[in-house]
């Protein structure tokens, strides 16, 4: 049988030494692949998704669970280099009662535009705010010191824990430096927030659309 085997290899044009070397190489490659797999398995054992193999919390910030299908109530803050001021939306709302479409407060002027949706049981609307940034800066809560930052973050943390209120910050370019510390303090305290940058000359438009209630497009970060 051995003689016949050698005869076939010779007739096929493959010398015995070449065939033997191919067998040795294939076996060596298989051993190398197996050894590599064993090393990888021992060095990094597989873990179930989401498992934290440590007794200490990771450094990453994980978002606070929120039901995003129904957005939480929000307070709106204007941030300038002087600090942060709550935008008095209730004051504008009082001025818009009785069918008025324009309301004025010391913080600026609000214009309400209602878009009728005859096929739905609610109407879309847009509220354009032309804010008085000089007045907002004059009444701002200072954030230049760490004490000021801690005061506002403690208040926002309490509002979230007790009343489910989350802050939305309207930040001017000049106010970005003082806002940065508030941002990181709130993230460490696991308080959800939103923020957007605007120039002091640009109007702020708050809108309600049907899709706000039909999709999960409104995302919050912690």
C-alpha atoms as a PDB file:
ATOM      1  CA  UNK A   1       0.000   0.000   0.000  1.00  0.00           C
ATOM      2  CA  UNK A   2       2.829   2.362   0.769  1.00  0.00           C
ATOM      3  CA  UNK A   3       4.435   1.584  -2.512  1.00  0.00           C
ATOM      4  CA  UNK A   4       1.236   2.274  -4.391  1.00  0.00           C
ATOM      5  CA  UNK A   5       0.836   5.592  -2.591  1.00  0.00           C
ATOM      6  CA  UNK A   6       4.289   6.745  -3.565  1.00  0.00           C
ATOM      7  CA  UNK A   7       3.648   5.651  -7.095  1.00  0.00           C
ATOM      8  CA  UNK A   8       0.545   7.813  -7.380  1.00  0.00           C
ATOM      9  CA  UNK A   9       2.359  10.906  -6.102  1.00  0.00           C
ATOM     10  CA  UNK A  10       5.179  10.374  -8.526  1.00  0.00           C
ATOM     11  CA  UNK A  11       2.816   9.916 -11.457  1.00  0.00           C
ATOM     12  CA  UNK A  12       0.890  13.045 -10.434  1.00  0.00           C
ATOM     13  CA  UNK A  13       4.075  15.072 -10.572  1.00  0.00           C
ATOM     14  CA  UNK A  14       4.458  15.776  -6.801  1.00  0.00           C
ATOM     15  CA  UNK A  15       7.770  14.624  -5.325  1.00  0.00           C
ATOM     16  CA  UNK A  16       7.549  12.882  -1.968  1.00  0.00           C
ATOM     17  CA  UNK A  17       9.634  15.542  -0.254  1.00  0.00           C
ATOM     18  CA  UNK A  18       7.286  18.356  -1.417  1.00  0.00           C
ATOM     19  CA  UNK A  19       4.186  16.558  -0.232  1.00  0.00           C
ATOM     20  CA  UNK A  20       5.753  15.854   3.132  1.00  0.00           C
ATOM     21  CA  UNK A  21       6.722  19.502   3.570  1.00  0.00           C
ATOM     22  CA  UNK A  22       3.148  20.612   2.796  1.00  0.00           C
ATOM     23  CA  UNK A  23       1.800  18.229   5.437  1.00  0.00           C
ATOM     24  CA  UNK A  24       4.232  19.536   8.020  1.00  0.00           C
ATOM     25  CA  UNK A  25       3.415  23.173   7.181  1.00  0.00           C
ATOM     26  CA  UNK A  26      -0.343  22.575   7.402  1.00  0.00           C
ATOM     27  CA  UNK A  27       0.005  20.855  10.763  1.00  0.00           C
ATOM     28  CA  UNK A  28       2.238  23.622  12.093  1.00  0.00           C
ATOM     29  CA  UNK A  29      -0.246  26.285  10.947  1.00  0.00           C
ATOM     30  CA  UNK A  30      -3.113  24.452  12.632  1.00  0.00           C
ATOM     31  CA  UNK A  31      -1.157  24.218  15.887  1.00  0.00           C
ATOM     32  CA  UNK A  32      -0.298  27.937  15.679  1.00  0.00           C
ATOM     33  CA  UNK A  33      -3.960  28.925  15.147  1.00  0.00           C
ATOM     34  CA  UNK A  34      -5.079  26.732  18.058  1.00  0.00           C
ATOM     35  CA  UNK A  35      -2.432  28.186  20.361  1.00  0.00           C
ATOM     36  CA  UNK A  36      -3.415  31.731  19.395  1.00  0.00           C
ATOM     37  CA  UNK A  37      -7.081  31.034  20.147  1.00  0.00           C
ATOM     38  CA  UNK A  38      -6.176  29.585  23.545  1.00  0.00           C
ATOM     39  CA  UNK A  39      -4.060  32.619  24.421  1.00  0.00           C
ATOM     40  CA  UNK A  40      -6.846  35.031  23.426  1.00  0.00           C
ATOM     41  CA  UNK A  41      -9.439  33.054  25.383  1.00  0.00           C
ATOM     42  CA  UNK A  42      -7.345  32.933  28.552  1.00  0.00           C
ATOM     43  CA  UNK A  43      -6.251  36.579  28.337  1.00  0.00           C
ATOM     44  CA  UNK A  44      -9.740  38.013  27.708  1.00  0.00           C
ATOM     45  CA  UNK A  45     -12.519  35.625  28.772  1.00  0.00           C
ATOM     46  CA  UNK A  46     -15.873  36.504  27.222  1.00  0.00           C
ATOM     47  CA  UNK A  47     -18.312  38.387  29.432  1.00  0.00           C
ATOM     48  CA  UNK A  48     -22.058  38.866  29.020  1.00  0.00           C
ATOM     49  CA  UNK A  49     -22.964  42.226  27.407  1.00  0.00           C
ATOM     50  CA  UNK A  50     -23.250  44.976  29.986  1.00  0.00           C
ATOM     51  CA  UNK A  51     -21.408  43.103  32.748  1.00  0.00           C
ATOM     52  CA  UNK A  52     -19.003  45.288  34.722  1.00  0.00           C
ATOM     53  CA  UNK A  53     -16.197  43.147  36.094  1.00  0.00           C
ATOM     54  CA  UNK A  54     -15.172  45.576  38.805  1.00  0.00           C
ATOM     55  CA  UNK A  55     -16.316  46.640  42.236  1.00  0.00           C
ATOM     56  CA  UNK A  56     -15.681  50.312  41.462  1.00  0.00           C
ATOM     57  CA  UNK A  57     -17.982  52.357  39.194  1.00  0.00           C
ATOM     58  CA  UNK A  58     -16.527  53.116  35.752  1.00  0.00           C
ATOM     59  CA  UNK A  59     -15.445  56.634  34.903  1.00  0.00           C
ATOM     60  CA  UNK A  60     -17.985  56.875  32.084  1.00  0.00           C
ATOM     61  CA  UNK A  61     -21.146  58.916  32.604  1.00  0.00           C
ATOM     62  CA  UNK A  62     -24.211  56.777  32.124  1.00  0.00           C
ATOM     63  CA  UNK A  63     -27.523  58.536  31.405  1.00  0.00           C
ATOM     64  CA  UNK A  64     -30.238  58.665  34.012  1.00  0.00           C
ATOM     65  CA  UNK A  65     -33.190  56.524  32.817  1.00  0.00           C
ATOM     66  CA  UNK A  66     -35.964  58.686  31.421  1.00  0.00           C
ATOM     67  CA  UNK A  67     -39.147  57.842  29.576  1.00  0.00           C
ATOM     68  CA  UNK A  68     -38.404  59.786  26.409  1.00  0.00           C
ATOM     69  CA  UNK A  69     -41.760  59.032  24.774  1.00  0.00           C
ATOM     70  CA  UNK A  70     -43.236  61.617  27.143  1.00  0.00           C
ATOM     71  CA  UNK A  71     -40.735  64.426  27.567  1.00  0.00           C
ATOM     72  CA  UNK A  72     -40.193  65.679  31.117  1.00  0.00           C
ATOM     73  CA  UNK A  73     -41.154  69.192  32.150  1.00  0.00           C
ATOM     74  CA  UNK A  74     -38.361  71.669  31.604  1.00  0.00           C
ATOM     75  CA  UNK A  75     -37.137  74.951  32.960  1.00  0.00           C
ATOM     76  CA  UNK A  76     -35.381  77.275  30.533  1.00  0.00           C
ATOM     77  CA  UNK A  77     -32.220  79.146  31.497  1.00  0.00           C
ATOM     78  CA  UNK A  78     -30.457  81.918  29.607  1.00  0.00           C
ATOM     79  CA  UNK A  79     -26.686  81.863  30.137  1.00  0.00           C
ATOM     80  CA  UNK A  80     -24.415  84.848  29.500  1.00  0.00           C
ATOM     81  CA  UNK A  81     -20.979  85.765  30.772  1.00  0.00           C
ATOM     82  CA  UNK A  82     -22.762  87.283  33.792  1.00  0.00           C
ATOM     83  CA  UNK A  83     -24.344  83.961  34.789  1.00  0.00           C
ATOM     84  CA  UNK A  84     -27.669  82.139  34.409  1.00  0.00           C
ATOM     85  CA  UNK A  85     -31.242  83.455  34.556  1.00  0.00           C
ATOM     86  CA  UNK A  86     -34.497  81.520  34.487  1.00  0.00           C
ATOM     87  CA  UNK A  87     -36.615  82.552  31.497  1.00  0.00           C
ATOM     88  CA  UNK A  88     -40.025  83.481  32.922  1.00  0.00           C
ATOM     89  CA  UNK A  89     -42.274  81.564  30.538  1.00  0.00           C
ATOM     90  CA  UNK A  90     -45.173  81.858  32.992  1.00  0.00           C
ATOM     91  CA  UNK A  91     -44.935  85.636  32.755  1.00  0.00           C
ATOM     92  CA  UNK A  92     -45.159  85.490  28.972  1.00  0.00           C
ATOM     93  CA  UNK A  93     -48.060  83.017  29.195  1.00  0.00           C
ATOM     94  CA  UNK A  94     -50.048  85.376  31.415  1.00  0.00           C
ATOM     95  CA  UNK A  95     -49.596  88.115  28.840  1.00  0.00           C
ATOM     96  CA  UNK A  96     -50.914  85.811  26.107  1.00  0.00           C
ATOM     97  CA  UNK A  97     -54.196  85.000  27.837  1.00  0.00           C
ATOM     98  CA  UNK A  98     -57.455  86.253  26.425  1.00  0.00           C
ATOM     99  CA  UNK A  99     -56.485  85.682  22.799  1.00  0.00           C
ATOM    100  CA  UNK A 100     -53.459  88.018  22.722  1.00  0.00           C
ATOM    101  CA  UNK A 101     -50.684  87.022  20.342  1.00  0.00           C
ATOM    102  CA  UNK A 102     -47.972  89.315  21.730  1.00  0.00           C
ATOM    103  CA  UNK A 103     -46.807  89.577  25.343  1.00  0.00           C
ATOM    104  CA  UNK A 104     -44.118  91.751  26.905  1.00  0.00           C
ATOM    105  CA  UNK A 105     -42.267  91.321  30.186  1.00  0.00           C
ATOM    106  CA  UNK A 106     -39.016  92.827  31.510  1.00  0.00           C
ATOM    107  CA  UNK A 107     -37.241  89.869  29.873  1.00  0.00           C
ATOM    108  CA  UNK A 108     -38.411  90.724  26.351  1.00  0.00           C
ATOM    109  CA  UNK A 109     -41.256  90.104  23.923  1.00  0.00           C
ATOM    110  CA  UNK A 110     -43.078  86.903  22.982  1.00  0.00           C
ATOM    111  CA  UNK A 111     -45.107  86.315  19.824  1.00  0.00           C
ATOM    112  CA  UNK A 112     -47.439  83.315  19.602  1.00  0.00           C
ATOM    113  CA  UNK A 113     -48.313  81.709  16.268  1.00  0.00           C
ATOM    114  CA  UNK A 114     -50.912  78.918  16.244  1.00  0.00           C
ATOM    115  CA  UNK A 115     -50.961  76.478  13.327  1.00  0.00           C
ATOM    116  CA  UNK A 116     -54.352  74.801  13.079  1.00  0.00           C
ATOM    117  CA  UNK A 117     -54.385  71.039  12.625  1.00  0.00           C
ATOM    118  CA  UNK A 118     -57.955  70.243  11.687  1.00  0.00           C
ATOM    119  CA  UNK A 119     -57.329  66.515  11.447  1.00  0.00           C
ATOM    120  CA  UNK A 120     -55.961  66.271  14.990  1.00  0.00           C
ATOM    121  CA  UNK A 121     -57.275  67.024  18.461  1.00  0.00           C
ATOM    122  CA  UNK A 122     -54.474  69.486  19.200  1.00  0.00           C
ATOM    123  CA  UNK A 123     -52.954  72.506  17.494  1.00  0.00           C
ATOM    124  CA  UNK A 124     -49.322  73.085  16.705  1.00  0.00           C
ATOM    125  CA  UNK A 125     -47.871  76.344  17.915  1.00  0.00           C
ATOM    126  CA  UNK A 126     -44.704  78.422  17.838  1.00  0.00           C
ATOM    127  CA  UNK A 127     -43.602  80.873  20.502  1.00  0.00           C
ATOM    128  CA  UNK A 128     -40.958  83.320  19.335  1.00  0.00           C
ATOM    129  CA  UNK A 129     -39.041  85.034  22.115  1.00  0.00           C
ATOM    130  CA  UNK A 130     -37.057  88.181  21.451  1.00  0.00           C
ATOM    131  CA  UNK A 131     -35.161  88.300  24.731  1.00  0.00           C
ATOM    132  CA  UNK A 132     -33.676  91.360  26.352  1.00  0.00           C
ATOM    133  CA  UNK A 133     -30.196  90.013  26.993  1.00  0.00           C
ATOM    134  CA  UNK A 134     -29.105  93.124  28.840  1.00  0.00           C
ATOM    135  CA  UNK A 135     -31.887  92.598  31.369  1.00  0.00           C
ATOM    136  CA  UNK A 136     -31.147  88.878  31.602  1.00  0.00           C
ATOM    137  CA  UNK A 137     -27.494  89.609  32.350  1.00  0.00           C
ATOM    138  CA  UNK A 138     -28.429  92.171  34.980  1.00  0.00           C
ATOM    139  CA  UNK A 139     -30.557  89.641  36.885  1.00  0.00           C
ATOM    140  CA  UNK A 140     -28.318  86.596  36.326  1.00  0.00           C
ATOM    141  CA  UNK A 141     -27.156  84.277  39.067  1.00  0.00           C
ATOM    142  CA  UNK A 142     -23.338  84.546  38.983  1.00  0.00           C
ATOM    143  CA  UNK A 143     -21.370  81.469  37.974  1.00  0.00           C
ATOM    144  CA  UNK A 144     -17.863  82.894  38.113  1.00  0.00           C
ATOM    145  CA  UNK A 145     -17.104  81.154  41.431  1.00  0.00           C
ATOM    146  CA  UNK A 146     -17.345  77.505  42.406  1.00  0.00           C
ATOM    147  CA  UNK A 147     -19.836  78.462  45.108  1.00  0.00           C
ATOM    148  CA  UNK A 148     -22.146  79.949  42.500  1.00  0.00           C
ATOM    149  CA  UNK A 149     -21.857  76.808  40.381  1.00  0.00           C
ATOM    150  CA  UNK A 150     -22.611  74.573  43.362  1.00  0.00           C
ATOM    151  CA  UNK A 151     -25.620  76.677  44.357  1.00  0.00           C
ATOM    152  CA  UNK A 152     -27.285  76.396  40.957  1.00  0.00           C
ATOM    153  CA  UNK A 153     -26.475  72.712  40.480  1.00  0.00           C
ATOM    154  CA  UNK A 154     -27.864  71.900  43.941  1.00  0.00           C
ATOM    155  CA  UNK A 155     -31.093  73.725  43.077  1.00  0.00           C
ATOM    156  CA  UNK A 156     -31.381  71.914  39.737  1.00  0.00           C
ATOM    157  CA  UNK A 157     -30.648  68.565  41.354  1.00  0.00           C
ATOM    158  CA  UNK A 158     -33.399  69.176  43.891  1.00  0.00           C
ATOM    159  CA  UNK A 159     -35.866  70.211  41.178  1.00  0.00           C
ATOM    160  CA  UNK A 160     -35.152  67.010  39.271  1.00  0.00           C
ATOM    161  CA  UNK A 161     -35.306  64.695  42.283  1.00  0.00           C
ATOM    162  CA  UNK A 162     -38.428  66.226  43.817  1.00  0.00           C
ATOM    163  CA  UNK A 163     -40.456  67.596  40.901  1.00  0.00           C
ATOM    164  CA  UNK A 164     -39.086  65.822  37.810  1.00  0.00           C
ATOM    165  CA  UNK A 165     -37.971  69.138  36.282  1.00  0.00           C
ATOM    166  CA  UNK A 166     -34.981  69.156  33.955  1.00  0.00           C
ATOM    167  CA  UNK A 167     -33.088  72.233  32.718  1.00  0.00           C
ATOM    168  CA  UNK A 168     -32.687  73.487  29.164  1.00  0.00           C
ATOM    169  CA  UNK A 169     -29.884  76.022  28.765  1.00  0.00           C
ATOM    170  CA  UNK A 170     -29.833  78.746  26.109  1.00  0.00           C
ATOM    171  CA  UNK A 171     -26.149  79.637  26.007  1.00  0.00           C
ATOM    172  CA  UNK A 172     -24.600  82.666  24.338  1.00  0.00           C
ATOM    173  CA  UNK A 173     -21.028  82.369  23.025  1.00  0.00           C
ATOM    174  CA  UNK A 174     -19.907  84.707  25.801  1.00  0.00           C
ATOM    175  CA  UNK A 175     -21.528  82.458  28.398  1.00  0.00           C
ATOM    176  CA  UNK A 176     -20.023  79.164  27.233  1.00  0.00           C
ATOM    177  CA  UNK A 177     -17.047  79.346  29.608  1.00  0.00           C
ATOM    178  CA  UNK A 178     -19.160  79.843  32.749  1.00  0.00           C
ATOM    179  CA  UNK A 179     -21.662  77.219  31.553  1.00  0.00           C
ATOM    180  CA  UNK A 180     -19.000  74.523  31.120  1.00  0.00           C
ATOM    181  CA  UNK A 181     -18.560  73.962  34.848  1.00  0.00           C
ATOM    182  CA  UNK A 182     -22.319  73.758  35.410  1.00  0.00           C
ATOM    183  CA  UNK A 183     -22.557  71.196  32.610  1.00  0.00           C
ATOM    184  CA  UNK A 184     -19.981  68.856  34.149  1.00  0.00           C
ATOM    185  CA  UNK A 185     -21.352  69.238  37.665  1.00  0.00           C
ATOM    186  CA  UNK A 186     -24.832  68.266  36.476  1.00  0.00           C
ATOM    187  CA  UNK A 187     -23.464  65.261  34.622  1.00  0.00           C
ATOM    188  CA  UNK A 188     -21.636  64.090  37.737  1.00  0.00           C
ATOM    189  CA  UNK A 189     -24.890  64.508  39.676  1.00  0.00           C
ATOM    190  CA  UNK A 190     -26.775  62.509  37.007  1.00  0.00           C
ATOM    191  CA  UNK A 191     -29.180  65.346  36.250  1.00  0.00           C
ATOM    192  CA  UNK A 192     -30.485  65.231  32.640  1.00  0.00           C
ATOM    193  CA  UNK A 193     -30.097  68.436  30.657  1.00  0.00           C
ATOM    194  CA  UNK A 194     -30.311  69.984  27.215  1.00  0.00           C
ATOM    195  CA  UNK A 195     -28.413  72.963  25.911  1.00  0.00           C
ATOM    196  CA  UNK A 196     -28.137  74.986  22.720  1.00  0.00           C
ATOM    197  CA  UNK A 197     -26.021  77.951  21.700  1.00  0.00           C
ATOM    198  CA  UNK A 198     -27.582  81.135  20.324  1.00  0.00           C
ATOM    199  CA  UNK A 199     -26.381  84.627  19.553  1.00  0.00           C
ATOM    200  CA  UNK A 200     -27.932  87.462  21.517  1.00  0.00           C
ATOM    201  CA  UNK A 201     -29.429  88.906  18.324  1.00  0.00           C
ATOM    202  CA  UNK A 202     -31.252  85.723  17.340  1.00  0.00           C
ATOM    203  CA  UNK A 203     -34.848  85.057  18.431  1.00  0.00           C
ATOM    204  CA  UNK A 204     -35.566  81.922  20.419  1.00  0.00           C
ATOM    205  CA  UNK A 205     -38.394  79.795  18.990  1.00  0.00           C
ATOM    206  CA  UNK A 206     -40.192  77.221  21.139  1.00  0.00           C
ATOM    207  CA  UNK A 207     -42.555  74.989  19.222  1.00  0.00           C
ATOM    208  CA  UNK A 208     -45.006  72.165  19.762  1.00  0.00           C
ATOM    209  CA  UNK A 209     -45.548  69.777  16.913  1.00  0.00           C
ATOM    210  CA  UNK A 210     -47.658  66.658  16.625  1.00  0.00           C
ATOM    211  CA  UNK A 211     -44.521  64.592  16.071  1.00  0.00           C
ATOM    212  CA  UNK A 212     -43.360  65.566  19.589  1.00  0.00           C
ATOM    213  CA  UNK A 213     -46.033  63.169  20.845  1.00  0.00           C
ATOM    214  CA  UNK A 214     -45.680  60.509  18.152  1.00  0.00           C
ATOM    215  CA  UNK A 215     -41.949  59.847  18.084  1.00  0.00           C
ATOM    216  CA  UNK A 216     -39.052  59.523  20.463  1.00  0.00           C
ATOM    217  CA  UNK A 217     -37.064  62.179  18.653  1.00  0.00           C
ATOM    218  CA  UNK A 218     -36.545  64.327  21.735  1.00  0.00           C
ATOM    219  CA  UNK A 219     -33.433  63.000  23.387  1.00  0.00           C
ATOM    220  CA  UNK A 220     -32.023  63.921  26.738  1.00  0.00           C
ATOM    221  CA  UNK A 221     -28.510  63.586  27.995  1.00  0.00           C
ATOM    222  CA  UNK A 222     -27.245  63.406  31.490  1.00  0.00           C
END
